[in-house]
Amino acid sequence: MEEARFNRVAAATPEPLAQKMRAAHLAGERKIVTCLFAVVGVAFLLLLQVSRAAAVGYQVQQLQQAKNDVERQTYLLEAEMASLQSLDRIEREARTRLKMQPAQRFFFVTVDQPSREGGQPPVGEVPAHPWWGSILVALGMRGD
């Protein structure tokens, strides 16, 4: 309807003025189309952003669930490790699986010499070079 009215007005006006009116009318339509494309573009970008945020949220949720699973497994393994280290269990395993028995006789050894200072052997008793040092020298891998 507006197009028909525009055509009637344009037909009744002189040619240069009609061309200016058509150009103004087309410029207005271009502005409207440009605005529509801008709105659609912004809406599309918003949609992309929202979908990306949802995907990242889903990944965070999956990673949190995996972390919880690993923590739960860690607690279970720690509990199992504690039960395996208990002295009652070790004694039971020694008696049943390894067929061990408590000692019936005890022997005590007495040493007449005092202990060495710091638990280190005297310097004179330690060989200067280990037995394999001469082999390395013969192979040229060590230069003594």
Protein backbone atom coordinates (compact mmCIF):
# COMPACT_ATOMS: atom_id res chain seq x y z
CA MET A 1 0.00 0.00 0.00
CA GLU A 2 2.79 2.40 0.85
CA GLU A 3 4.60 1.38 -2.32
CA ALA A 4 1.52 2.24 -4.43
CA ARG A 5 1.18 5.60 -2.77
CA PHE A 6 4.87 6.27 -3.30
CA ASN A 7 4.51 5.41 -7.00
CA ARG A 8 1.51 7.77 -7.41
CA VAL A 9 3.37 10.62 -5.71
CA ALA A 10 6.47 9.94 -7.80
CA ALA A 11 4.39 9.90 -11.01
CA ALA A 12 2.84 13.27 -10.19
CA THR A 13 6.16 15.00 -9.46
CA PRO A 14 8.76 16.20 -11.94
CA GLU A 15 11.44 13.70 -12.95
CA PRO A 16 14.48 15.09 -10.99
CA LEU A 17 12.42 15.34 -7.83
CA ALA A 18 11.05 11.83 -8.38
CA GLN A 19 14.60 10.47 -8.71
CA LYS A 20 15.58 12.17 -5.47
CA MET A 21 12.52 10.71 -3.76
CA ARG A 22 13.32 7.22 -5.07
CA ALA A 23 16.94 7.58 -3.90
CA ALA A 24 15.78 8.73 -0.46
CA HIS A 25 13.28 5.89 -0.31
CA LEU A 26 15.96 3.35 -1.30
CA ALA A 27 18.40 4.84 1.22
CA GLY A 28 15.79 4.39 3.94
CA GLU A 29 15.21 0.79 2.89
CA ARG A 30 18.97 0.17 2.90
CA LYS A 31 19.22 1.55 6.42
CA ILE A 32 16.41 -0.74 7.54
CA VAL A 33 18.03 -3.76 5.89
CA THR A 34 21.42 -2.83 7.38
CA CYS A 35 19.86 -2.52 10.83
CA LEU A 36 18.14 -5.87 10.41
CA PHE A 37 21.43 -7.52 9.41
CA ALA A 38 23.14 -5.89 12.41
CA VAL A 39 20.42 -7.17 14.77
CA VAL A 40 20.62 -10.67 13.27
CA GLY A 41 24.43 -10.59 13.51
CA VAL A 42 24.35 -9.53 17.16
CA ALA A 43 21.74 -12.18 17.93
CA PHE A 44 23.91 -14.81 16.20
CA LEU A 45 26.98 -13.75 18.20
CA LEU A 46 24.97 -13.87 21.39
CA LEU A 47 23.73 -17.34 20.50
CA LEU A 48 27.30 -18.51 19.86
CA GLN A 49 28.46 -17.07 23.16
CA VAL A 50 25.64 -18.70 25.12
CA SER A 51 26.20 -22.09 23.48
CA ARG A 52 29.95 -21.86 24.18
CA ALA A 53 29.25 -20.98 27.81
CA ALA A 54 26.93 -23.98 28.09
CA ALA A 55 29.59 -26.26 26.58
CA VAL A 56 32.24 -24.96 28.96
CA GLY A 57 29.83 -25.40 31.87
CA TYR A 58 29.26 -28.99 30.83
CA GLN A 59 33.02 -29.62 30.62
CA VAL A 60 33.52 -28.09 34.07
CA GLN A 61 30.82 -30.36 35.45
CA GLN A 62 32.45 -33.44 33.86
CA LEU A 63 35.88 -32.48 35.22
CA GLN A 64 34.42 -31.92 38.69
CA GLN A 65 32.81 -35.36 38.56
CA ALA A 66 36.13 -36.92 37.46
CA LYS A 67 37.92 -35.12 40.31
CA ASN A 68 35.37 -36.41 42.81
CA ASP A 69 35.82 -39.95 41.45
CA VAL A 70 39.60 -39.73 41.79
CA GLU A 71 39.30 -38.37 45.34
CA ARG A 72 36.95 -41.20 46.25
CA GLN A 73 39.36 -43.77 44.80
CA THR A 74 42.22 -42.13 46.71
CA TYR A 75 40.33 -42.43 49.99
CA LEU A 76 39.49 -46.07 49.25
CA LEU A 77 43.13 -46.86 48.42
CA GLU A 78 44.34 -45.11 51.57
CA ALA A 79 41.89 -47.14 53.65
CA GLU A 80 43.00 -50.35 51.93
CA MET A 81 46.65 -49.44 52.47
CA ALA A 82 46.00 -48.81 56.17
CA SER A 83 44.25 -52.15 56.54
CA LEU A 84 47.08 -53.96 54.72
CA GLN A 85 49.66 -52.37 57.02
CA SER A 86 47.93 -53.38 60.25
CA LEU A 87 50.04 -55.62 62.48
CA ASP A 88 47.17 -58.08 63.06
CA ARG A 89 46.81 -58.61 59.31
CA ILE A 90 50.56 -59.04 58.83
CA GLU A 91 50.70 -61.62 61.61
CA ARG A 92 47.67 -63.46 60.19
CA GLU A 93 49.28 -63.54 56.70
CA ALA A 94 52.56 -64.77 58.18
CA ARG A 95 50.80 -67.65 59.97
CA THR A 96 48.39 -68.68 57.21
CA ARG A 97 50.00 -67.94 53.87
CA LEU A 98 53.68 -68.14 54.81
CA LYS A 99 53.21 -70.89 57.43
CA MET A 100 55.35 -69.03 59.95
CA GLN A 101 55.22 -69.69 63.70
CA PRO A 102 56.30 -67.57 66.64
CA ALA A 103 59.84 -68.29 67.83
CA GLN A 104 60.05 -70.96 70.53
CA ARG A 105 63.64 -70.30 71.58
CA PHE A 106 65.46 -67.03 71.74
CA PHE A 107 69.21 -66.58 71.38
CA PHE A 108 71.04 -63.54 72.60
CA VAL A 109 74.51 -62.75 71.28
CA THR A 110 76.91 -60.75 73.38
CA VAL A 111 79.73 -58.79 71.82
CA ASP A 112 82.87 -58.20 73.85
CA GLN A 113 84.11 -55.25 71.77
CA PRO A 114 82.72 -51.74 71.98
CA SER A 115 80.86 -50.46 68.97
CA ARG A 116 82.67 -48.32 66.44
CA GLU A 117 82.06 -44.62 66.57
CA GLY A 118 79.27 -43.56 64.22
CA GLY A 119 78.80 -47.13 62.99
CA GLN A 120 81.42 -46.65 60.25
CA PRO A 121 84.05 -49.33 59.56
CA PRO A 122 87.68 -48.30 60.14
CA VAL A 123 89.44 -46.68 57.18
CA GLY A 124 92.02 -49.46 56.91
CA GLU A 125 89.36 -52.15 56.32
CA VAL A 126 87.75 -50.43 53.32
CA PRO A 127 89.54 -51.21 50.03
CA ALA A 128 90.88 -48.13 48.25
CA HIS A 129 89.44 -49.28 44.89
CA PRO A 130 86.61 -51.72 44.35
CA TRP A 131 87.34 -54.98 42.49
CA TRP A 132 85.74 -53.69 39.31
CA GLY A 133 87.92 -50.56 39.26
CA SER A 134 90.82 -52.46 37.70
CA ILE A 135 88.52 -53.72 34.94
CA LEU A 136 87.45 -50.16 34.11
CA VAL A 137 91.09 -49.05 33.99
CA ALA A 138 91.97 -51.96 31.65
CA LEU A 139 89.08 -51.04 29.34
CA GLY A 140 90.19 -47.41 29.28
CA MET A 141 86.93 -46.21 30.79
CA ARG A 142 88.61 -44.82 33.88
CA GLY A 143 91.97 -43.14 34.10
CA ASP A 144 93.61 -43.99 37.46
